[in-house]
Amino acid sequence: MNGTGKSTISKFLYDLDRFPSCNFNIDGSFSPTVYNQSFIDDNFVNSSMQEGVFTLSKDNADLEARVVEKSKLREKLLAIYNKIKSDISLAKQAQDDALKSAIDEVFKQKHVIEKSSLEPFLKSFKTPKRKFYEQVERQKGENSQSINDLDIEYQSLNQFDKNLPKAIILPAPPELSLEDIIVLSEPIVGSTNSQLCDFIAKLDNLYWVKSGKEEYLKEHQTKCPFCQKETIDESFRSELSALFDKTYEHGVEKVQAIESSYCQNFTRYIDSIKTEFTNCSMYDQEQHDVDPLIELLERAYRDNLDLIKSKVKSPSLGIELNDCSDKLNPINKLADEINKLVDSVALKIKKFEENEKDIRNRMWDSLRYHTDGIFSLKQRIVEEKSSEIRLLENKLERVKQIGLKVANRISTLRSKTSNIDDTIDRINESLKSLGITGFEIIASREQEQKNYFVLSRGCSGQLILATVLESWYLTSDSFGAKPAL
């Protein structure tokens, strides 16, 4: 009904301060909200722009607050995620550094081998370092031989790859016949037909008498060379001749022949022993010094020769030569030791390729044995870091799963917010339903007012309502979530 005071009351409720003399009481804590011509004049007619102070939807505001909260959580999770990835990278780098250090240390062994006869075994493993390292790593590491020992062994094998080493074959020692032994053992005495025999035998000076006869008693000499008296006559000469008859002379000649033969035989024997050792390629004078042993043996044979010579000088002596076998035994023993080496090398030469391969395999295995500490240290570091990486990756996966859930939650919340165009349409519909048909909210057509919404009264006047910047980012981070508006 007109004139009943509706407008006046609405003006009072719209601005209480304009009516200080009026008041009213409302039960409860309520504030009046008035939509009348004064509200329209103040907010639409007399204002060139409507600030963005209204909320299109309270639910949207709540949802946006929750999106912001979830986005902050997502950012924290992303920071944790990146930190874990960084820690994993550092752990992997530590593994790489341990491996590189091990490769460098093991590769140093290559220079040792290059200075030895084993250098050909490095073929195709000199470069790169990693290839040499992996070849050593594949070995079992059971051979404790040094590279130097293997070098000596391979040099020995190579030394005789074409010519087999000659074994030492010692000659048979010189021996006297039974007849010679008897001749030396039995005294040679003058004939018993001489009157001088008993006298000389009593004095045991037969050799002295014989020497005097041969050296001092000349033909036709009558004066004794010793007492210088005329005692030498034909009768004395006959007695001397009878004393040293042909039998005596023959016996002495036998002893002299034995002396000559024995001297030649043992000299030839000693020279043959020396030749056998020097002709053996496995003989090393520094390691197998046989010369002192040969000298002892030669000395023993010379002692026997001296005995035979004493028999020549004193035929009446009976002699027995010394056994030299005790001096020969050390030489035989040394020859046996060298021949074992000869046999060993000869066997290896017959299977040269097989033994060469065996030495090559043992060289690689020896390298693994002597670098075990390097591999152990590297393995310990790698295993420690692998354990650390597994823990970090498990933690990373948990963070990732939580992040995906948060991202999905943000997407779900965003899907529940109202679209701005739909909201504007609903406002316009609501205005019409309220009977307000004089204007509507539309998007500004002015280029400088892009993204603005305006109140339109038809073809002319437009009132800028609000600035709406709706920026939906289509890019996604690792969690698959869109950043909050």
Protein backbone atom coordinates (compact mmCIF):
# COMPACT_ATOMS: atom_id res chain seq x y z
CA MET A 1 0.00 0.00 0.00
CA ASN A 2 1.27 3.41 -0.84
CA GLY A 3 1.89 6.02 1.86
CA THR A 4 2.12 3.57 4.72
CA GLY A 5 5.82 4.45 5.48
CA LYS A 6 7.58 1.44 3.94
CA SER A 7 10.27 3.59 2.28
CA THR A 8 10.77 5.71 5.39
CA ILE A 9 11.25 2.63 7.58
CA SER A 10 13.65 1.09 5.05
CA LYS A 11 15.67 4.31 4.97
CA PHE A 12 15.83 4.27 8.80
CA LEU A 13 17.00 0.68 8.87
CA TYR A 14 19.42 1.29 5.99
CA ASP A 15 21.22 4.16 7.80
CA LEU A 16 20.48 4.40 11.55
CA ASP A 17 22.92 7.27 12.00
CA ARG A 18 20.71 9.61 9.93
CA PHE A 19 17.92 9.25 12.50
CA PRO A 20 19.54 9.83 15.91
CA SER A 21 16.22 10.46 17.56
CA CYS A 22 14.83 7.08 16.52
CA ASN A 23 15.69 3.62 17.82
CA PHE A 24 14.41 0.08 17.74
CA ASN A 25 15.15 -3.14 19.60
CA ILE A 26 15.81 -6.52 18.00
CA ASP A 27 15.94 -9.72 19.98
CA GLY A 28 19.25 -11.45 19.41
CA SER A 29 22.48 -10.28 17.75
CA PHE A 30 21.21 -9.39 14.29
CA SER A 31 22.14 -6.62 11.91
CA PRO A 32 19.54 -5.39 9.42
CA THR A 33 20.33 -5.73 5.70
CA VAL A 34 18.29 -3.47 3.46
CA TYR A 35 18.06 -3.53 -0.30
CA ASN A 36 16.21 -0.37 -1.35
CA GLN A 37 16.68 2.62 -3.64
CA SER A 38 19.28 4.11 -1.29
CA PHE A 39 21.34 0.87 -1.55
CA ILE A 40 21.00 0.98 -5.35
CA ASP A 41 21.97 4.66 -5.53
CA ASP A 42 24.99 4.22 -3.25
CA ASN A 43 26.32 1.01 -4.77
CA PHE A 44 25.29 1.16 -8.41
CA VAL A 45 23.99 4.55 -9.57
CA ASN A 46 26.42 6.92 -7.89
CA SER A 47 29.50 4.59 -8.11
CA SER A 48 31.61 4.28 -11.27
CA MET A 49 32.93 0.89 -10.19
CA GLN A 50 31.74 -1.85 -7.94
CA GLU A 51 34.67 -3.21 -5.96
CA GLY A 52 34.99 -6.94 -5.76
CA VAL A 53 33.63 -7.20 -2.28
CA PHE A 54 30.89 -9.72 -2.80
CA THR A 55 31.24 -13.48 -2.66
CA LEU A 56 29.76 -15.40 -5.50
CA SER A 57 29.42 -18.42 -3.28
CA LYS A 58 30.21 -19.01 0.38
CA ASP A 59 30.93 -22.67 -0.46
CA ASN A 60 33.46 -21.49 -3.02
CA ALA A 61 35.24 -19.44 -0.37
CA ASP A 62 35.37 -22.40 2.01
CA LEU A 63 36.59 -24.66 -0.73
CA GLU A 64 39.24 -22.16 -1.75
CA ALA A 65 40.49 -21.94 1.83
CA ARG A 66 40.82 -25.70 1.93
CA VAL A 67 42.60 -25.66 -1.45
CA VAL A 68 45.08 -23.12 -0.08
CA GLU A 69 45.65 -25.30 2.99
CA LYS A 70 46.18 -28.41 0.86
CA SER A 71 48.42 -26.48 -1.52
CA LYS A 72 50.68 -25.45 1.36
CA LEU A 73 50.86 -29.09 2.43
CA ARG A 74 51.65 -30.06 -1.16
CA GLU A 75 54.49 -27.51 -1.24
CA LYS A 76 55.94 -28.91 1.98
CA LEU A 77 55.70 -32.43 0.56
CA LEU A 78 57.37 -31.25 -2.63
CA ALA A 79 60.25 -29.77 -0.60
CA ILE A 80 60.62 -33.06 1.28
CA TYR A 81 60.39 -34.95 -2.00
CA ASN A 82 63.16 -32.86 -3.58
CA LYS A 83 65.34 -33.19 -0.48
CA ILE A 84 65.05 -37.00 -0.56
CA LYS A 85 65.85 -37.05 -4.27
CA SER A 86 68.91 -34.91 -3.55
CA ASP A 87 70.01 -37.32 -0.79
CA ILE A 88 69.58 -40.26 -3.16
CA SER A 89 71.71 -38.47 -5.76
CA LEU A 90 74.43 -37.86 -3.15
CA ALA A 91 74.39 -41.52 -2.09
CA LYS A 92 74.66 -42.65 -5.71
CA GLN A 93 77.46 -40.19 -6.26
CA ALA A 94 79.29 -41.69 -3.25
CA GLN A 95 78.93 -45.13 -4.87
CA ASP A 96 80.29 -43.79 -8.15
CA ASP A 97 83.21 -42.14 -6.35
CA ALA A 98 84.02 -45.39 -4.50
CA LEU A 99 83.97 -47.30 -7.78
CA LYS A 100 86.15 -44.73 -9.55
CA SER A 101 88.68 -44.79 -6.72
CA ALA A 102 88.78 -48.61 -6.77
CA ILE A 103 89.26 -48.62 -10.55
CA ASP A 104 92.18 -46.17 -10.28
CA GLU A 105 93.87 -48.19 -7.52
CA VAL A 106 93.48 -51.55 -9.26
CA PHE A 107 94.67 -50.06 -12.56
CA LYS A 108 98.00 -49.20 -10.93
CA GLN A 109 98.80 -52.93 -11.02
CA LYS A 110 98.86 -52.73 -14.81
CA HIS A 111 102.07 -50.69 -14.66
CA VAL A 112 103.72 -53.41 -12.55
CA ILE A 113 102.85 -56.07 -15.12
CA GLU A 114 104.00 -53.89 -18.02
CA LYS A 115 107.52 -53.96 -16.58
CA SER A 116 107.58 -57.77 -16.51
CA SER A 117 107.58 -60.59 -19.05
CA LEU A 118 103.84 -60.96 -18.36
CA GLU A 119 103.08 -57.80 -20.37
CA PRO A 120 101.65 -59.75 -23.39
CA PHE A 121 98.84 -61.00 -21.13
CA LEU A 122 97.51 -57.42 -20.91
CA LYS A 123 96.49 -57.46 -24.56
CA SER A 124 93.00 -55.93 -24.96
CA PHE A 125 92.96 -54.96 -21.26
CA LYS A 126 95.26 -51.91 -21.27
CA THR A 127 92.43 -49.46 -21.87
CA PRO A 128 89.97 -48.39 -20.73
CA LYS A 129 90.63 -48.63 -17.01
CA ARG A 130 87.14 -50.03 -16.40
CA LYS A 131 87.84 -53.04 -18.62
CA PHE A 132 91.04 -53.90 -16.72
CA TYR A 133 89.19 -53.48 -13.42
CA GLU A 134 86.32 -55.75 -14.43
CA GLN A 135 88.73 -58.45 -15.63
CA VAL A 136 90.43 -58.47 -12.19
CA GLU A 137 87.08 -58.32 -10.37
CA ARG A 138 85.86 -61.48 -12.13
CA GLN A 139 88.64 -63.59 -10.57
CA LYS A 140 88.26 -65.69 -7.41
CA GLY A 141 91.42 -64.31 -5.78
CA GLU A 142 92.77 -67.66 -4.56
CA ASN A 143 96.35 -67.45 -5.91
CA SER A 144 98.74 -65.76 -3.47
CA GLN A 145 101.75 -65.91 -5.81
CA SER A 146 103.47 -62.61 -6.39
CA ILE A 147 103.72 -61.08 -9.83
CA ASN A 148 107.51 -61.42 -9.51
CA ASP A 149 107.25 -65.20 -8.99
CA LEU A 150 104.96 -65.53 -12.00
CA ASP A 151 107.34 -63.36 -14.01
CA ILE A 152 110.26 -65.70 -13.23
CA GLU A 153 108.16 -68.74 -14.07
CA TYR A 154 107.06 -67.28 -17.39
CA GLN A 155 110.60 -66.23 -18.27
CA SER A 156 111.71 -69.80 -17.60
CA LEU A 157 108.96 -71.14 -19.84
CA ASN A 158 109.79 -68.69 -22.62
CA GLN A 159 113.48 -69.39 -22.38
CA PHE A 160 113.00 -72.94 -23.55
CA ASP A 161 110.04 -72.60 -25.84
CA LYS A 162 112.11 -73.95 -28.77
CA ASN A 163 114.98 -75.96 -27.25
CA LEU A 164 114.44 -78.47 -24.52
CA PRO A 165 116.88 -78.05 -21.62
CA LYS A 166 119.58 -80.72 -21.41
CA ALA A 167 119.63 -82.91 -18.34
CA ILE A 168 122.85 -83.42 -16.37
CA ILE A 169 124.21 -86.92 -16.93
CA LEU A 170 127.23 -87.48 -14.72
CA PRO A 171 129.94 -89.77 -16.11
CA ALA A 172 130.88 -92.97 -14.33
CA PRO A 173 133.71 -92.47 -11.83
CA PRO A 174 137.10 -93.96 -12.76
CA GLU A 175 137.67 -97.41 -11.26
CA LEU A 176 140.72 -99.68 -11.08
CA SER A 177 140.57 -103.21 -12.29
CA LEU A 178 140.94 -106.02 -9.81
CA GLU A 179 144.40 -106.74 -11.20
CA ASP A 180 145.48 -103.13 -10.66
CA ILE A 181 144.12 -103.18 -7.12
CA ILE A 182 146.21 -106.31 -6.41
CA VAL A 183 149.32 -104.75 -7.96
CA LEU A 184 148.96 -101.70 -5.76
CA SER A 185 148.22 -103.66 -2.63
CA GLU A 186 151.20 -106.08 -2.91
CA PRO A 187 154.80 -104.97 -2.23
CA ILE A 188 157.29 -105.20 -5.08
CA VAL A 189 160.61 -106.51 -3.78
CA GLY A 190 163.92 -107.40 -5.29
CA SER A 191 164.92 -110.91 -6.27
CA THR A 192 165.79 -113.33 -3.47
CA ASN A 193 168.65 -114.65 -5.61
CA SER A 194 170.76 -111.66 -4.64
CA GLN A 195 172.94 -111.76 -1.53
CA LEU A 196 171.82 -108.18 -0.87
CA CYS A 197 168.16 -109.12 -0.63
CA ASP A 198 167.98 -109.94 3.08
CA PHE A 199 170.12 -106.97 4.04
CA ILE A 200 168.04 -104.47 2.02
CA ALA A 201 164.80 -106.03 3.23
CA LYS A 202 166.03 -105.63 6.78
CA LEU A 203 166.80 -101.94 6.22
CA ASP A 204 163.67 -101.48 4.06
CA ASN A 205 165.57 -99.19 1.71
CA LEU A 206 165.09 -100.93 -1.58
CA TYR A 207 163.81 -97.73 -3.24
CA TRP A 208 166.90 -95.87 -1.98
CA VAL A 209 169.20 -98.51 -3.39
CA LYS A 210 167.38 -98.54 -6.72
CA SER A 211 167.56 -94.78 -6.98
CA GLY A 212 171.25 -94.81 -6.19
CA LYS A 213 171.88 -97.49 -8.83
CA GLU A 214 170.01 -95.62 -11.53
CA GLU A 215 171.11 -92.12 -10.73
CA TYR A 216 174.60 -92.37 -9.32
CA LEU A 217 176.18 -95.63 -10.38
CA LYS A 218 177.68 -95.14 -13.79
CA GLU A 219 179.13 -97.72 -16.14
CA HIS A 220 182.73 -98.72 -15.30
CA GLN A 221 182.51 -96.77 -12.04
CA THR A 222 184.39 -98.49 -9.21
CA LYS A 223 184.18 -95.83 -6.50
CA CYS A 224 181.13 -95.81 -4.25
CA PRO A 225 179.21 -92.57 -4.83
CA PHE A 226 178.44 -92.38 -1.11
CA CYS A 227 181.60 -93.45 0.79
CA GLN A 228 183.95 -92.69 -2.11
CA LYS A 229 185.84 -95.94 -1.62
CA GLU A 230 186.73 -98.45 -4.26
CA THR A 231 183.96 -100.88 -3.39
CA ILE A 232 182.24 -101.20 -6.73
CA ASP A 233 183.34 -104.24 -8.64
CA GLU A 234 181.76 -106.68 -11.06
CA SER A 235 180.59 -108.92 -8.26
CA PHE A 236 178.67 -106.02 -6.62
CA ARG A 237 177.21 -105.01 -9.95
CA SER A 238 176.04 -108.59 -10.54
CA GLU A 239 174.35 -108.67 -7.14
CA LEU A 240 172.59 -105.38 -7.86
CA SER A 241 171.45 -106.60 -11.26
CA ALA A 242 170.19 -109.82 -9.71
CA LEU A 243 168.31 -107.79 -7.07
CA PHE A 244 166.46 -105.67 -9.65
CA ASP A 245 165.66 -108.34 -12.18
CA LYS A 246 163.03 -108.23 -14.94
CA THR A 247 160.24 -109.31 -12.62
CA TYR A 248 160.89 -106.33 -10.39
CA GLU A 249 161.12 -103.97 -13.31
CA HIS A 250 157.88 -105.31 -14.75
CA GLY A 251 156.07 -104.78 -11.45
CA VAL A 252 157.27 -101.20 -11.22
CA GLU A 253 156.26 -100.55 -14.81
CA LYS A 254 152.74 -101.77 -13.98
CA VAL A 255 152.48 -99.31 -11.12
CA GLN A 256 153.69 -96.50 -13.36
CA ALA A 257 151.09 -97.45 -15.97
CA ILE A 258 148.39 -97.43 -13.29
CA GLU A 259 149.55 -93.98 -12.22
CA SER A 260 149.39 -92.58 -15.73
CA SER A 261 146.01 -94.15 -16.47
CA TYR A 262 144.50 -93.08 -13.17
CA CYS A 263 145.69 -89.49 -13.66
CA GLN A 264 144.20 -89.32 -17.16
CA ASN A 265 140.93 -90.98 -16.15
CA PHE A 266 140.16 -88.85 -13.13
CA THR A 267 141.19 -85.64 -14.95
CA ARG A 268 138.87 -86.53 -17.81
CA TYR A 269 136.18 -87.46 -15.26
CA ILE A 270 136.40 -84.11 -13.44
CA ASP A 271 136.33 -82.19 -16.73
CA SER A 272 133.25 -84.16 -17.83
CA ILE A 273 131.42 -83.29 -14.62
CA LYS A 274 132.16 -79.60 -15.11
CA THR A 275 131.03 -79.78 -18.74
CA GLU A 276 127.73 -81.45 -17.81
CA PHE A 277 126.84 -78.69 -15.40
CA THR A 278 127.93 -75.78 -17.60
CA ASN A 279 126.09 -77.23 -20.62
CA CYS A 280 122.82 -77.48 -18.70
CA SER A 281 120.72 -74.39 -19.36
CA MET A 282 118.97 -74.81 -16.02
CA TYR A 283 122.27 -74.55 -14.14
CA ASP A 284 122.66 -71.23 -12.34
CA GLN A 285 126.09 -70.77 -10.83
CA GLU A 286 124.80 -68.35 -8.24
CA GLN A 287 122.02 -70.68 -7.17
CA HIS A 288 123.75 -74.02 -7.83
CA ASP A 289 127.45 -73.41 -7.17
CA VAL A 290 128.95 -76.82 -7.90
CA ASP A 291 132.58 -75.71 -8.18
CA PRO A 292 133.45 -76.17 -4.47
CA LEU A 293 131.96 -79.67 -4.55
CA ILE A 294 133.95 -80.60 -7.66
CA GLU A 295 137.12 -79.26 -6.08
CA LEU A 296 136.61 -81.52 -3.05
CA LEU A 297 136.09 -84.52 -5.34
CA GLU A 298 139.16 -83.65 -7.42
CA ARG A 299 141.20 -83.29 -4.26
CA ALA A 300 140.18 -86.81 -3.19
CA TYR A 301 141.27 -88.26 -6.54
CA ARG A 302 144.55 -86.38 -6.36
CA ASP A 303 145.16 -87.83 -2.92
CA ASN A 304 144.74 -91.30 -4.44
CA LEU A 305 147.10 -90.33 -7.26
CA ASP A 306 149.66 -89.29 -4.67
CA LEU A 307 149.31 -92.75 -3.08
CA ILE A 308 150.00 -94.40 -6.43
CA LYS A 309 153.00 -92.12 -6.93
CA SER A 310 154.31 -93.17 -3.54
CA LYS A 311 154.02 -96.77 -4.71
CA VAL A 312 156.12 -95.92 -7.75
CA LYS A 313 158.78 -94.41 -5.54
CA SER A 314 158.58 -97.18 -2.96
CA PRO A 315 157.49 -100.33 -4.80
CA SER A 316 157.70 -102.32 -1.62
CA LEU A 317 154.72 -100.35 -0.26
CA GLY A 318 151.26 -101.91 -0.36
CA ILE A 319 148.58 -99.24 -0.85
CA GLU A 320 144.78 -99.07 -0.96
CA LEU A 321 143.06 -96.14 -2.63
CA ASN A 322 140.46 -94.09 -0.76
CA ASP A 323 136.75 -94.32 -1.58
CA CYS A 324 135.63 -91.01 -3.18
CA SER A 325 131.90 -91.70 -3.11
CA ASP A 326 131.31 -89.47 -0.09
CA LYS A 327 132.67 -86.52 -2.08
CA LEU A 328 130.58 -87.48 -5.10
CA ASN A 329 127.23 -87.74 -3.25
CA PRO A 330 126.64 -83.95 -2.89
CA ILE A 331 127.33 -83.54 -6.61
CA ASN A 332 124.85 -86.28 -7.46
CA LYS A 333 122.27 -84.66 -5.20
CA LEU A 334 122.70 -81.25 -6.84
CA ALA A 335 122.48 -82.83 -10.28
CA ASP A 336 119.24 -84.54 -9.27
CA GLU A 337 117.76 -81.21 -8.10
CA ILE A 338 118.64 -79.50 -11.36
CA ASN A 339 117.32 -82.45 -13.37
CA LYS A 340 113.99 -82.11 -11.59
CA LEU A 341 113.82 -78.55 -12.85
CA VAL A 342 114.79 -79.79 -16.29
CA ASP A 343 112.02 -82.38 -16.21
CA SER A 344 109.51 -79.82 -15.00
CA VAL A 345 110.41 -77.32 -17.71
CA ALA A 346 110.54 -80.04 -20.36
CA LEU A 347 107.05 -81.13 -19.39
CA LYS A 348 105.80 -77.56 -19.52
CA ILE A 349 107.43 -76.94 -22.88
CA LYS A 350 105.66 -79.96 -24.33
CA LYS A 351 102.43 -78.30 -23.27
CA PHE A 352 103.59 -74.71 -23.77
CA GLU A 353 100.26 -73.17 -24.74
CA GLU A 354 98.46 -74.90 -21.92
CA ASN A 355 101.01 -73.72 -19.39
CA GLU A 356 101.09 -70.23 -20.85
CA LYS A 357 97.32 -70.04 -20.37
CA ASP A 358 97.72 -71.37 -16.84
CA ILE A 359 100.26 -68.67 -15.97
CA ARG A 360 98.01 -66.01 -17.53
CA ASN A 361 95.02 -67.18 -15.47
CA ARG A 362 97.11 -67.29 -12.31
CA MET A 363 98.38 -63.78 -13.02
CA TRP A 364 94.83 -62.37 -13.13
CA ASP A 365 93.85 -64.35 -10.04
CA SER A 366 96.97 -63.13 -8.23
CA LEU A 367 96.00 -59.53 -9.03
CA ARG A 368 92.57 -60.17 -7.50
CA TYR A 369 94.17 -61.72 -4.40
CA HIS A 370 96.55 -58.82 -3.82
CA THR A 371 93.88 -56.13 -4.45
CA ASP A 372 91.22 -57.74 -2.27
CA GLY A 373 91.39 -54.86 0.21
CA ILE A 374 90.48 -52.38 -2.53
CA PHE A 375 87.48 -54.44 -3.65
CA SER A 376 86.35 -54.99 -0.04
CA LEU A 377 86.42 -51.27 0.73
CA LYS A 378 84.51 -50.43 -2.44
CA GLN A 379 81.95 -53.16 -1.75
CA ARG A 380 81.41 -51.98 1.82
CA ILE A 381 80.77 -48.40 0.68
CA VAL A 382 78.46 -49.52 -2.14
CA GLU A 383 76.44 -51.78 0.18
CA GLU A 384 76.14 -49.08 2.85
CA LYS A 385 74.96 -46.55 0.28
CA SER A 386 72.64 -49.10 -1.36
CA SER A 387 70.98 -49.70 2.00
CA GLU A 388 70.69 -45.94 2.47
CA ILE A 389 69.25 -45.53 -1.04
CA ARG A 390 66.63 -48.24 -0.44
CA LEU A 391 65.48 -46.50 2.72
CA LEU A 392 65.36 -43.14 0.94
CA GLU A 393 63.48 -44.61 -2.04
CA ASN A 394 60.92 -46.17 0.31
CA LYS A 395 60.53 -42.82 2.03
CA LEU A 396 60.31 -41.10 -1.35
CA GLU A 397 57.57 -43.46 -2.47
CA ARG A 398 55.58 -42.78 0.71
CA VAL A 399 55.92 -39.02 0.20
CA LYS A 400 54.94 -39.44 -3.44
CA GLN A 401 51.82 -41.41 -2.52
CA ILE A 402 50.84 -38.81 0.06
CA GLY A 403 51.50 -36.08 -2.50
CA LEU A 404 49.28 -37.81 -5.04
CA LYS A 405 46.50 -38.05 -2.50
CA VAL A 406 46.89 -34.35 -1.68
CA ALA A 407 46.91 -33.48 -5.38
CA ASN A 408 43.81 -35.57 -5.97
CA ARG A 409 42.15 -33.90 -3.02
CA ILE A 410 42.97 -30.44 -4.42
CA SER A 411 41.53 -31.47 -7.78
CA THR A 412 38.40 -32.76 -6.08
CA LEU A 413 37.98 -29.51 -4.13
CA ARG A 414 38.47 -27.43 -7.25
CA SER A 415 35.90 -29.49 -9.10
CA LYS A 416 33.35 -28.51 -6.47
CA THR A 417 33.80 -24.75 -6.94
CA SER A 418 31.28 -22.86 -9.07
CA ASN A 419 32.12 -21.66 -12.58
CA ILE A 420 32.10 -17.82 -12.77
CA ASP A 421 29.96 -17.75 -15.94
CA ASP A 422 27.39 -20.08 -14.42
CA THR A 423 27.32 -17.95 -11.30
CA ILE A 424 26.75 -14.73 -13.27
CA ASP A 425 23.92 -16.40 -15.17
CA ARG A 426 22.29 -17.47 -11.93
CA ILE A 427 22.58 -13.91 -10.53
CA ASN A 428 20.91 -12.48 -13.61
CA GLU A 429 18.14 -15.05 -13.35
CA SER A 430 17.69 -14.25 -9.67
CA LEU A 431 17.46 -10.51 -10.43
CA LYS A 432 14.77 -11.15 -12.99
CA SER A 433 12.89 -13.38 -10.59
CA LEU A 434 12.95 -10.51 -8.08
CA GLY A 435 11.47 -8.18 -10.66
CA ILE A 436 14.75 -6.29 -11.31
CA THR A 437 14.77 -6.05 -15.06
CA GLY A 438 16.38 -2.68 -15.69
CA PHE A 439 19.95 -4.05 -15.94
CA GLU A 440 21.99 -7.24 -16.05
CA ILE A 441 25.59 -8.33 -15.41
CA ILE A 442 27.63 -8.97 -18.55
CA ALA A 443 31.32 -9.31 -19.53
CA SER A 444 32.87 -6.03 -20.59
CA ARG A 445 33.37 -5.60 -24.33
CA GLU A 446 36.06 -2.94 -23.92
CA GLN A 447 39.62 -4.10 -24.68
CA GLU A 448 41.04 -2.15 -21.75
CA GLN A 449 38.44 -3.76 -19.48
CA LYS A 450 39.18 -7.31 -20.51
CA ASN A 451 38.27 -9.78 -17.75
CA TYR A 452 35.91 -7.17 -16.22
CA PHE A 453 32.17 -7.69 -15.63
CA VAL A 454 29.80 -4.70 -15.93
CA LEU A 455 26.19 -3.81 -15.22
CA SER A 456 24.47 -3.17 -18.50
CA ARG A 457 21.34 -0.98 -18.84
CA GLY A 458 20.94 -1.74 -22.50
CA CYS A 459 22.82 -0.16 -25.35
CA SER A 460 24.39 2.82 -23.59
CA GLY A 461 25.40 3.08 -20.00
CA GLN A 462 27.57 0.43 -18.40
CA LEU A 463 28.70 0.29 -14.79
CA ILE A 464 31.93 -1.62 -14.06
CA LEU A 465 30.95 -4.21 -11.51
CA ALA A 466 34.05 -6.17 -10.64
CA THR A 467 37.34 -7.47 -11.90
CA VAL A 468 37.35 -11.20 -12.20
CA LEU A 469 40.63 -12.88 -13.10
CA GLU A 470 40.05 -16.50 -13.55
CA SER A 471 43.47 -18.09 -14.25
CA TRP A 472 43.29 -21.81 -14.47
CA TYR A 473 46.78 -23.23 -14.83
CA LEU A 474 46.85 -26.26 -17.03
CA THR A 475 50.38 -27.29 -16.13
CA SER A 476 50.88 -29.98 -13.48
CA ASP A 477 53.72 -30.66 -11.12
CA SER A 478 54.94 -34.12 -10.03
CA PHE A 479 51.89 -34.54 -7.84
CA GLY A 480 49.48 -33.86 -10.67
CA ALA A 481 47.83 -30.96 -8.82
CA LYS A 482 46.91 -27.50 -10.19
CA PRO A 483 48.17 -24.53 -8.18
CA ALA A 484 45.55 -22.62 -6.21
CA LEU A 485 44.00 -19.49 -7.63
